[in-house]
Protein backbone atom coordinates (compact mmCIF):
# COMPACT_ATOMS: atom_id res chain seq x y z
CA UNK A 1 -56.47 76.64 20.23
CA UNK A 2 -57.85 73.12 19.84
CA UNK A 3 -55.35 70.70 18.35
CA UNK A 4 -52.34 72.86 19.23
CA UNK A 5 -49.59 71.03 21.16
CA UNK A 6 -49.26 72.06 24.78
CA UNK A 7 -46.16 74.14 25.58
CA UNK A 8 -43.26 72.33 27.26
CA UNK A 9 -42.85 72.45 31.01
CA UNK A 10 -39.65 71.85 33.00
CA UNK A 11 -41.35 69.03 34.92
CA UNK A 12 -41.46 67.03 31.67
CA UNK A 13 -37.80 66.36 32.37
CA UNK A 14 -37.41 63.42 34.73
CA UNK A 15 -34.66 64.97 36.85
CA UNK A 16 -36.35 68.34 37.23
CA UNK A 17 -39.63 66.62 38.08
CA UNK A 18 -37.94 64.71 40.89
CA UNK A 19 -36.67 67.83 42.66
CA UNK A 20 -38.39 68.97 45.85
CA UNK A 21 -40.39 72.18 45.49
CA UNK A 22 -37.82 74.40 47.22
CA UNK A 23 -34.94 73.36 44.94
CA UNK A 24 -37.08 73.46 41.82
CA UNK A 25 -38.21 77.00 42.58
CA UNK A 26 -34.60 78.15 42.98
CA UNK A 27 -33.90 76.95 39.44
CA UNK A 28 -37.05 77.78 37.55
CA UNK A 29 -36.29 81.45 36.90
CA UNK A 30 -32.95 80.39 35.37
CA UNK A 31 -34.40 77.74 33.06
CA UNK A 32 -34.76 78.81 29.42
CA UNK A 33 -36.77 76.70 26.96
CA UNK A 34 -34.92 76.22 23.66
CA UNK A 35 -35.80 74.39 20.44
CA UNK A 36 -33.42 71.61 19.43
CA UNK A 37 -33.64 70.99 15.67
CA UNK A 38 -32.52 67.67 14.21
CA UNK A 39 -28.77 67.52 13.68
CA UNK A 40 -27.86 70.57 15.78
CA UNK A 41 -24.59 70.20 17.68
CA UNK A 42 -24.98 71.41 21.27
CA UNK A 43 -21.29 70.86 21.94
CA UNK A 44 -18.24 69.96 19.94
CA UNK A 45 -15.43 67.91 21.43
CA UNK A 46 -13.19 70.21 23.48
CA UNK A 47 -15.75 73.01 23.75
CA UNK A 48 -15.83 74.93 27.02
CA UNK A 49 -19.13 74.24 28.73
CA UNK A 50 -21.37 77.23 29.30
CA UNK A 51 -24.75 75.52 29.75
CA UNK A 52 -26.37 72.20 30.51
CA UNK A 53 -29.55 70.97 28.83
CA UNK A 54 -32.54 69.16 30.33
CA UNK A 55 -34.38 67.63 27.34
CA UNK A 56 -38.17 67.45 27.44
CA UNK A 57 -39.15 66.17 23.99
CA UNK A 58 -35.77 65.99 22.20
CA UNK A 59 -33.19 63.20 22.18
CA UNK A 60 -29.47 64.03 22.16
CA UNK A 61 -26.72 61.61 21.12
CA UNK A 62 -23.24 61.76 22.58
CA UNK A 63 -20.81 60.87 19.82
CA UNK A 64 -17.12 60.07 19.69
CA UNK A 65 -15.53 61.19 16.46
CA UNK A 66 -12.41 59.54 15.08
CA UNK A 67 -9.61 61.30 13.23
CA UNK A 68 -10.74 59.74 9.93
CA UNK A 69 -14.15 61.43 10.25
CA UNK A 70 -16.14 58.38 11.30
CA UNK A 71 -18.09 58.40 14.56
CA UNK A 72 -19.94 56.18 17.01
CA UNK A 73 -22.62 56.90 19.60
CA UNK A 74 -21.53 56.32 23.18
CA UNK A 75 -24.76 57.33 24.95
CA UNK A 76 -28.20 58.80 24.37
CA UNK A 77 -30.01 61.36 26.53
CA UNK A 78 -33.71 62.12 26.56
CA UNK A 79 -36.18 63.49 29.04
CA UNK A 80 -34.81 61.18 31.72
CA UNK A 81 -31.61 63.17 32.04
CA UNK A 82 -29.20 66.00 31.40
CA UNK A 83 -26.64 66.86 28.73
CA UNK A 84 -23.37 68.24 30.10
CA UNK A 85 -22.48 66.03 33.07
CA UNK A 86 -18.80 66.97 32.74
CA UNK A 87 -19.62 70.44 34.08
CA UNK A 88 -20.71 69.33 37.56
CA UNK A 89 -18.18 66.47 37.69
CA UNK A 90 -15.29 68.93 37.68
CA UNK A 91 -14.57 69.29 33.97
CA UNK A 92 -14.90 72.44 31.89
CA UNK A 93 -14.92 70.82 28.46
CA UNK A 94 -16.76 68.01 26.67
CA UNK A 95 -14.72 65.03 25.43
CA UNK A 96 -17.31 64.26 22.74
CA UNK A 97 -19.93 65.82 20.47
CA UNK A 98 -23.53 66.25 21.59
CA UNK A 99 -25.88 66.17 18.57
CA UNK A 100 -29.67 66.29 18.43
CA UNK A 101 -30.88 62.88 17.28
CA UNK A 102 -34.61 63.62 17.50
CA UNK A 103 -35.90 67.19 17.26
CA UNK A 104 -37.81 68.69 20.16
CA UNK A 105 -37.27 71.04 23.08
CA UNK A 106 -35.07 71.28 26.15
CA UNK A 107 -34.52 73.58 29.09
CA UNK A 108 -31.13 75.25 29.16
CA UNK A 109 -29.44 76.26 32.41
CA UNK A 110 -26.27 78.30 32.85
CA UNK A 111 -23.42 76.19 34.09
CA UNK A 112 -22.59 78.51 36.97
CA UNK A 113 -26.14 78.26 38.33
CA UNK A 114 -25.97 74.46 38.23
CA UNK A 115 -22.60 74.43 39.98
CA UNK A 116 -23.87 76.66 42.76
CA UNK A 117 -26.91 74.44 43.32
CA UNK A 118 -24.79 71.29 43.11
CA UNK A 119 -22.46 72.49 45.89
CA UNK A 120 -25.44 72.85 48.26
CA UNK A 121 -25.40 69.04 48.47
CA UNK A 122 -29.16 68.80 48.26
CA UNK A 123 -31.50 66.61 46.24
CA UNK A 124 -30.15 67.88 42.90
CA UNK A 125 -26.63 66.74 43.72
CA UNK A 126 -27.80 63.25 44.70
CA UNK A 127 -29.98 62.96 41.59
CA UNK A 128 -27.19 64.06 39.27
CA UNK A 129 -24.68 61.66 40.82
CA UNK A 130 -27.07 58.73 40.47
CA UNK A 131 -27.87 59.76 36.91
CA UNK A 132 -24.15 59.92 36.10
CA UNK A 133 -23.69 56.38 37.44
CA UNK A 134 -26.54 55.18 35.20
CA UNK A 135 -24.95 56.97 32.24
CA UNK A 136 -21.60 55.27 32.92
CA UNK A 137 -23.43 51.94 32.75
CA UNK A 138 -25.00 52.94 29.43
CA UNK A 139 -21.62 53.95 28.01
CA UNK A 140 -19.92 50.76 29.16
CA UNK A 141 -22.72 48.56 27.85
CA UNK A 142 -22.69 50.37 24.50
CA UNK A 143 -18.97 49.61 24.14
CA UNK A 144 -19.60 45.94 24.97
CA UNK A 145 -22.53 45.74 22.56
CA UNK A 146 -20.65 47.34 19.68
CA UNK A 147 -17.79 44.88 20.15
CA UNK A 148 -19.64 41.61 20.72
CA UNK A 149 -23.14 41.76 19.26
CA UNK A 150 -24.55 41.72 15.74
CA UNK A 151 -25.73 44.80 13.87
CA UNK A 152 -29.28 43.39 14.15
CA UNK A 153 -29.02 43.36 17.95
CA UNK A 154 -27.37 46.78 18.05
CA UNK A 155 -30.16 48.24 15.95
CA UNK A 156 -32.80 46.73 18.25
CA UNK A 157 -31.00 48.20 21.28
CA UNK A 158 -30.76 51.61 19.63
CA UNK A 159 -34.43 51.61 18.65
CA UNK A 160 -35.59 50.60 22.13
CA UNK A 161 -33.39 53.15 23.90
CA UNK A 162 -34.77 55.83 21.59
CA UNK A 163 -38.37 54.71 22.12
CA UNK A 164 -37.91 54.91 25.89
CA UNK A 165 -37.23 58.61 25.45
CA UNK A 166 -40.06 59.47 23.05
CA UNK A 167 -43.82 59.82 23.63
CA UNK A 168 -44.57 58.13 20.28
CA UNK A 169 -43.54 54.98 18.42
CA UNK A 170 -42.14 56.76 15.37
CA UNK A 171 -38.58 57.98 14.79
CA UNK A 172 -37.41 60.34 12.05
CA UNK A 173 -33.98 58.98 11.20
CA UNK A 174 -32.27 57.91 7.97
CA UNK A 175 -30.35 54.66 7.74
CA UNK A 176 -27.22 56.68 7.00
CA UNK A 177 -27.54 58.54 10.31
CA UNK A 178 -28.27 55.32 12.21
CA UNK A 179 -25.13 53.80 10.72
CA UNK A 180 -23.18 56.82 11.90
CA UNK A 181 -24.61 56.45 15.40
CA UNK A 182 -23.76 52.77 15.57
CA UNK A 183 -20.38 53.17 13.91
CA UNK A 184 -21.15 50.55 11.23
CA UNK A 185 -21.52 50.48 7.45
CA UNK A 186 -24.80 51.73 6.02
CA UNK A 187 -25.24 48.42 4.19
CA UNK A 188 -25.27 46.63 7.54
CA UNK A 189 -28.04 48.87 8.85
CA UNK A 190 -30.03 48.44 5.61
CA UNK A 191 -29.83 44.66 5.94
CA UNK A 192 -30.71 44.69 9.64
CA UNK A 193 -33.65 47.07 9.14
CA UNK A 194 -34.87 44.89 6.28
CA UNK A 195 -34.93 41.84 8.55
CA UNK A 196 -36.93 43.71 11.20
CA UNK A 197 -39.37 44.98 8.58
CA UNK A 198 -39.80 41.51 7.03
CA UNK A 199 -40.58 40.19 10.52
CA UNK A 200 -43.30 42.81 10.94
CA UNK A 201 -41.53 44.58 13.81
CA UNK A 202 -40.97 47.94 12.13
CA UNK A 203 -41.99 49.85 9.03
CA UNK A 204 -39.32 51.99 7.41
CA UNK A 205 -40.03 54.56 4.70
CA UNK A 206 -38.28 57.76 3.65
CA UNK A 207 -36.37 58.33 6.85
CA UNK A 208 -39.24 57.39 9.15
CA UNK A 209 -39.20 54.30 11.34
CA UNK A 210 -42.50 53.19 12.84
CA UNK A 211 -42.19 50.52 15.51
CA UNK A 212 -45.07 48.08 15.08
CA UNK A 213 -44.13 45.41 17.62
CA UNK A 214 -42.09 46.57 20.60
CA UNK A 215 -42.30 43.20 22.35
CA UNK A 216 -40.88 41.59 19.24
CA UNK A 217 -37.90 43.95 19.38
CA UNK A 218 -37.37 43.14 23.04
CA UNK A 219 -37.25 39.42 22.21
CA UNK A 220 -34.56 40.01 19.58
CA UNK A 221 -32.39 42.51 21.44
CA UNK A 222 -29.25 41.46 23.32
CA UNK A 223 -29.00 41.67 27.11
CA UNK A 224 -27.31 45.09 26.87
CA UNK A 225 -30.63 46.90 26.60
CA UNK A 226 -32.07 45.32 29.73
CA UNK A 227 -28.89 46.02 31.72
CA UNK A 228 -29.15 49.73 30.90
CA UNK A 229 -32.90 49.91 31.52
CA UNK A 230 -32.66 48.16 34.87
CA UNK A 231 -29.83 50.43 36.01
CA UNK A 232 -31.81 53.57 35.21
CA UNK A 233 -34.82 52.11 37.02
CA UNK A 234 -32.69 51.20 40.05
CA UNK A 235 -30.93 54.55 40.37
CA UNK A 236 -33.60 57.07 39.40
CA UNK A 237 -36.85 57.72 41.30
CA UNK A 238 -40.39 57.00 40.21
CA UNK A 239 -41.62 60.49 39.36
CA UNK A 240 -44.93 59.53 37.83
CA UNK A 241 -46.25 56.02 37.54
CA UNK A 242 -48.26 56.93 34.43
CA UNK A 243 -45.26 58.46 32.72
CA UNK A 244 -44.04 56.71 29.50
CA UNK A 245 -40.47 56.75 30.79
CA UNK A 246 -41.50 55.08 34.02
CA UNK A 247 -43.41 52.43 32.05
CA UNK A 248 -40.32 51.77 29.96
CA UNK A 249 -37.79 51.67 32.79
CA UNK A 250 -40.04 50.29 35.49
CA UNK A 251 -42.39 47.87 33.81
CA UNK A 252 -41.04 44.92 35.81
CA UNK A 253 -41.51 46.52 39.24
CA UNK A 254 -43.00 44.06 41.68
CA UNK A 255 -42.16 40.96 39.68
């Protein structure tokens, strides 16, 4: 029907799209498309891993939760990657929560199928290892950013990382949830968002954030964002030069 969104396809995920045809065809019958509603927990800390997820239109946050109930985001995964790296790195449980930050879809794959393909030491193994290295950079840079940079800069980094993983410039996210992701007080996020809105960079209303000036955000953000973006661009292949993710991670190619 005209106007209806097109159904998701596994190749919308950056890692699956980079697989050679033979390896992709071995996986495709095992891939199950699943909806990921906002706020759903894919894993809780300590859960035994049964599946991994390849997001297509959803964004998943990896959160560390403290004993007092507070939490902080340590990494974000969108259609560039996979949720559940502990499974193929030799672990059976997740050390953190995985919560849907932006609703959408993903392809779910049984952990045993992934392990069997991983041990073949083909393209999938090399892709997943490079992706894991990029994720370690994101986690390390997030820790540095949360310790040394202002809430304003952290919010800019968070917005840009989220935008890189979405086809649009609008995010559905309350300030309370952003504060939880960043591990800061809600008042700090309110003040930082107000500054960005006053500068004409974003428009925030009723849990919706519309980014009006991405370049303006990039001028305000700390170096942590660029470190993460460059590492993903260095380690992961160009799947499609017209792809929004490629434009985000690879816009400086050739400079």
